[in-house]
Amino acid sequence: MTVVNQPGKVGGQSGGELYLEIHPSQEDADTLETESAPCSTLAVDADALVLKAAGADAPRLAWYTIPLAVNRRDGIAVQVTQPVPLLRPIQPPSSAGNAFRKNVDLY
């Protein structure tokens, strides 16, 4: 078995979303057992890690989510991308749309 000290990991999923995991240091893990928050001051350049992994999808990054993962340091994956925007709005079938418009009373 090989133990790897890798505090930050970025991974993708088939839907094109990126996830960030920040793992606690050994000191953090010990503290988390007795308290609810890690105490580590270990710097993790999560922004650079996520930006590199995102590549062309960088405009989809939800930057506000990255500090959440860094501050928690619990190893749970946090989604750091926003959903891909739809190319066109979803329209109901024309027959359903007409029936809907006829039966709706807005007042």
C-alpha atoms as a PDB file:
ATOM      1  CA  MET A   1       0.000   0.000   0.000  1.00  0.00           C
ATOM      2  CA  THR A   2       1.180   3.526  -0.799  1.00  0.00           C
ATOM      3  CA  VAL A   3       0.089   6.510   1.259  1.00  0.00           C
ATOM      4  CA  VAL A   4      -0.041   9.765  -0.698  1.00  0.00           C
ATOM      5  CA  ASN A   5      -0.104  13.168   0.953  1.00  0.00           C
ATOM      6  CA  GLN A   6      -2.248  15.037  -1.559  1.00  0.00           C
ATOM      7  CA  PRO A   7      -4.359  17.673   0.191  1.00  0.00           C
ATOM      8  CA  GLY A   8      -6.290  18.759  -2.913  1.00  0.00           C
ATOM      9  CA  LYS A   9      -7.810  16.739  -5.746  1.00  0.00           C
ATOM     10  CA  VAL A  10      -9.929  17.801  -8.711  1.00  0.00           C
ATOM     11  CA  GLY A  11     -11.950  15.311 -10.687  1.00  0.00           C
ATOM     12  CA  GLY A  12     -14.611  15.291 -13.339  1.00  0.00           C
ATOM     13  CA  GLN A  13     -17.766  13.381 -13.990  1.00  0.00           C
ATOM     14  CA  SER A  14     -19.366  12.215 -17.223  1.00  0.00           C
ATOM     15  CA  GLY A  15     -21.784  15.176 -17.174  1.00  0.00           C
ATOM     16  CA  GLY A  16     -18.865  17.574 -17.551  1.00  0.00           C
ATOM     17  CA  GLU A  17     -18.918  18.813 -13.967  1.00  0.00           C
ATOM     18  CA  LEU A  18     -15.751  19.313 -11.903  1.00  0.00           C
ATOM     19  CA  TYR A  19     -15.460  18.459  -8.226  1.00  0.00           C
ATOM     20  CA  LEU A  20     -12.863  19.567  -5.673  1.00  0.00           C
ATOM     21  CA  GLU A  21     -11.821  17.566  -2.625  1.00  0.00           C
ATOM     22  CA  ILE A  22      -9.629  19.073   0.067  1.00  0.00           C
ATOM     23  CA  HIS A  23      -8.398  16.455   2.504  1.00  0.00           C
ATOM     24  CA  PRO A  24      -7.353  17.176   6.073  1.00  0.00           C
ATOM     25  CA  SER A  25      -3.752  16.914   7.155  1.00  0.00           C
ATOM     26  CA  GLN A  26      -3.007  14.430   9.932  1.00  0.00           C
ATOM     27  CA  GLU A  27      -3.188  17.309  12.422  1.00  0.00           C
ATOM     28  CA  ASP A  28      -6.582  18.320  11.003  1.00  0.00           C
ATOM     29  CA  ALA A  29      -7.854  14.750  11.169  1.00  0.00           C
ATOM     30  CA  ASP A  30      -6.923  14.560  14.852  1.00  0.00           C
ATOM     31  CA  THR A  31      -8.632  17.899  15.532  1.00  0.00           C
ATOM     32  CA  LEU A  32     -11.758  16.921  13.575  1.00  0.00           C
ATOM     33  CA  GLU A  33     -12.192  13.936  15.894  1.00  0.00           C
ATOM     34  CA  THR A  34     -12.588  16.234  18.898  1.00  0.00           C
ATOM     35  CA  GLU A  35     -13.847  19.478  17.347  1.00  0.00           C
ATOM     36  CA  SER A  36     -16.061  20.370  14.402  1.00  0.00           C
ATOM     37  CA  ALA A  37     -13.538  22.368  12.374  1.00  0.00           C
ATOM     38  CA  PRO A  38      -9.975  21.784  11.191  1.00  0.00           C
ATOM     39  CA  CYS A  39      -7.225  23.967  12.652  1.00  0.00           C
ATOM     40  CA  SER A  40      -4.705  23.703   9.827  1.00  0.00           C
ATOM     41  CA  THR A  41      -3.013  26.673   8.271  1.00  0.00           C
ATOM     42  CA  LEU A  42      -1.662  24.476   5.478  1.00  0.00           C
ATOM     43  CA  ALA A  43      -1.965  26.421   2.235  1.00  0.00           C
ATOM     44  CA  VAL A  44      -3.644  24.689  -0.678  1.00  0.00           C
ATOM     45  CA  ASP A  45      -3.609  26.541  -4.003  1.00  0.00           C
ATOM     46  CA  ALA A  46      -7.061  25.259  -4.846  1.00  0.00           C
ATOM     47  CA  ASP A  47      -7.785  28.090  -7.303  1.00  0.00           C
ATOM     48  CA  ALA A  48      -4.826  27.131  -9.492  1.00  0.00           C
ATOM     49  CA  LEU A  49      -5.614  23.431  -9.175  1.00  0.00           C
ATOM     50  CA  VAL A  50      -9.229  23.935 -10.273  1.00  0.00           C
ATOM     51  CA  LEU A  51      -8.346  26.401 -13.037  1.00  0.00           C
ATOM     52  CA  LYS A  52      -5.838  23.969 -14.536  1.00  0.00           C
ATOM     53  CA  ALA A  53      -8.325  21.094 -14.449  1.00  0.00           C
ATOM     54  CA  ALA A  54     -11.140  23.223 -15.914  1.00  0.00           C
ATOM     55  CA  GLY A  55      -9.252  24.184 -19.067  1.00  0.00           C
ATOM     56  CA  ALA A  56     -11.737  25.509 -21.629  1.00  0.00           C
ATOM     57  CA  ASP A  57     -14.560  25.184 -19.084  1.00  0.00           C
ATOM     58  CA  ALA A  58     -13.004  27.860 -16.836  1.00  0.00           C
ATOM     59  CA  PRO A  59     -15.869  30.322 -17.520  1.00  0.00           C
ATOM     60  CA  ARG A  60     -18.222  27.787 -15.890  1.00  0.00           C
ATOM     61  CA  LEU A  61     -16.346  27.758 -12.575  1.00  0.00           C
ATOM     62  CA  ALA A  62     -18.363  28.728  -9.523  1.00  0.00           C
ATOM     63  CA  TRP A  63     -15.498  30.464  -7.720  1.00  0.00           C
ATOM     64  CA  TYR A  64     -17.479  30.943  -4.502  1.00  0.00           C
ATOM     65  CA  THR A  65     -17.561  27.164  -3.946  1.00  0.00           C
ATOM     66  CA  ILE A  66     -13.786  26.709  -3.810  1.00  0.00           C
ATOM     67  CA  PRO A  67     -13.238  28.380  -0.404  1.00  0.00           C
ATOM     68  CA  LEU A  68     -16.070  26.252   0.996  1.00  0.00           C
ATOM     69  CA  ALA A  69     -14.134  23.076   0.241  1.00  0.00           C
ATOM     70  CA  VAL A  70     -10.848  24.566   1.453  1.00  0.00           C
ATOM     71  CA  ASN A  71     -12.325  25.690   4.762  1.00  0.00           C
ATOM     72  CA  ARG A  72     -14.116  22.387   5.412  1.00  0.00           C
ATOM     73  CA  ARG A  73     -11.112  20.145   4.638  1.00  0.00           C
ATOM     74  CA  ASP A  74     -13.225  17.049   5.092  1.00  0.00           C
ATOM     75  CA  GLY A  75     -12.407  15.203   1.857  1.00  0.00           C
ATOM     76  CA  ILE A  76     -15.988  15.428   0.585  1.00  0.00           C
ATOM     77  CA  ALA A  77     -16.219  16.409  -3.081  1.00  0.00           C
ATOM     78  CA  VAL A  78     -17.715  19.839  -3.764  1.00  0.00           C
ATOM     79  CA  GLN A  79     -19.020  20.688  -7.245  1.00  0.00           C
ATOM     80  CA  VAL A  80     -17.087  23.712  -8.531  1.00  0.00           C
ATOM     81  CA  THR A  81     -18.708  24.149 -11.954  1.00  0.00           C
ATOM     82  CA  GLN A  82     -22.016  25.654 -12.911  1.00  0.00           C
ATOM     83  CA  PRO A  83     -24.337  23.596 -15.122  1.00  0.00           C
ATOM     84  CA  VAL A  84     -23.869  23.871 -18.865  1.00  0.00           C
ATOM     85  CA  PRO A  85     -26.367  26.433 -20.189  1.00  0.00           C
ATOM     86  CA  LEU A  86     -29.056  25.156 -22.519  1.00  0.00           C
ATOM     87  CA  LEU A  87     -28.480  25.889 -26.176  1.00  0.00           C
ATOM     88  CA  ARG A  88     -32.125  26.799 -26.660  1.00  0.00           C
ATOM     89  CA  PRO A  89     -35.111  27.105 -24.321  1.00  0.00           C
ATOM     90  CA  ILE A  90     -37.207  24.011 -23.851  1.00  0.00           C
ATOM     91  CA  GLN A  91     -40.577  24.511 -25.549  1.00  0.00           C
ATOM     92  CA  PRO A  92     -43.672  22.394 -24.921  1.00  0.00           C
ATOM     93  CA  PRO A  93     -45.070  20.580 -27.946  1.00  0.00           C
ATOM     94  CA  SER A  94     -47.199  22.961 -30.014  1.00  0.00           C
ATOM     95  CA  SER A  95     -50.450  21.097 -29.288  1.00  0.00           C
ATOM     96  CA  ALA A  96     -49.810  21.079 -25.526  1.00  0.00           C
ATOM     97  CA  GLY A  97     -48.772  24.728 -25.576  1.00  0.00           C
ATOM     98  CA  ASN A  98     -51.966  25.823 -27.352  1.00  0.00           C
ATOM     99  CA  ALA A  99     -54.161  23.847 -24.968  1.00  0.00           C
ATOM    100  CA  PHE A 100     -52.339  25.336 -22.028  1.00  0.00           C
ATOM    101  CA  ARG A 101     -52.792  28.893 -23.287  1.00  0.00           C
ATOM    102  CA  LYS A 102     -56.530  28.367 -23.884  1.00  0.00           C
ATOM    103  CA  ASN A 103     -57.220  27.031 -20.385  1.00  0.00           C
ATOM    104  CA  VAL A 104     -55.261  29.476 -18.258  1.00  0.00           C
ATOM    105  CA  ASP A 105     -57.055  32.343 -16.566  1.00  0.00           C
ATOM    106  CA  LEU A 106     -54.485  34.806 -15.237  1.00  0.00           C
ATOM    107  CA  TYR A 107     -56.957  37.028 -13.399  1.00  0.00           C
END
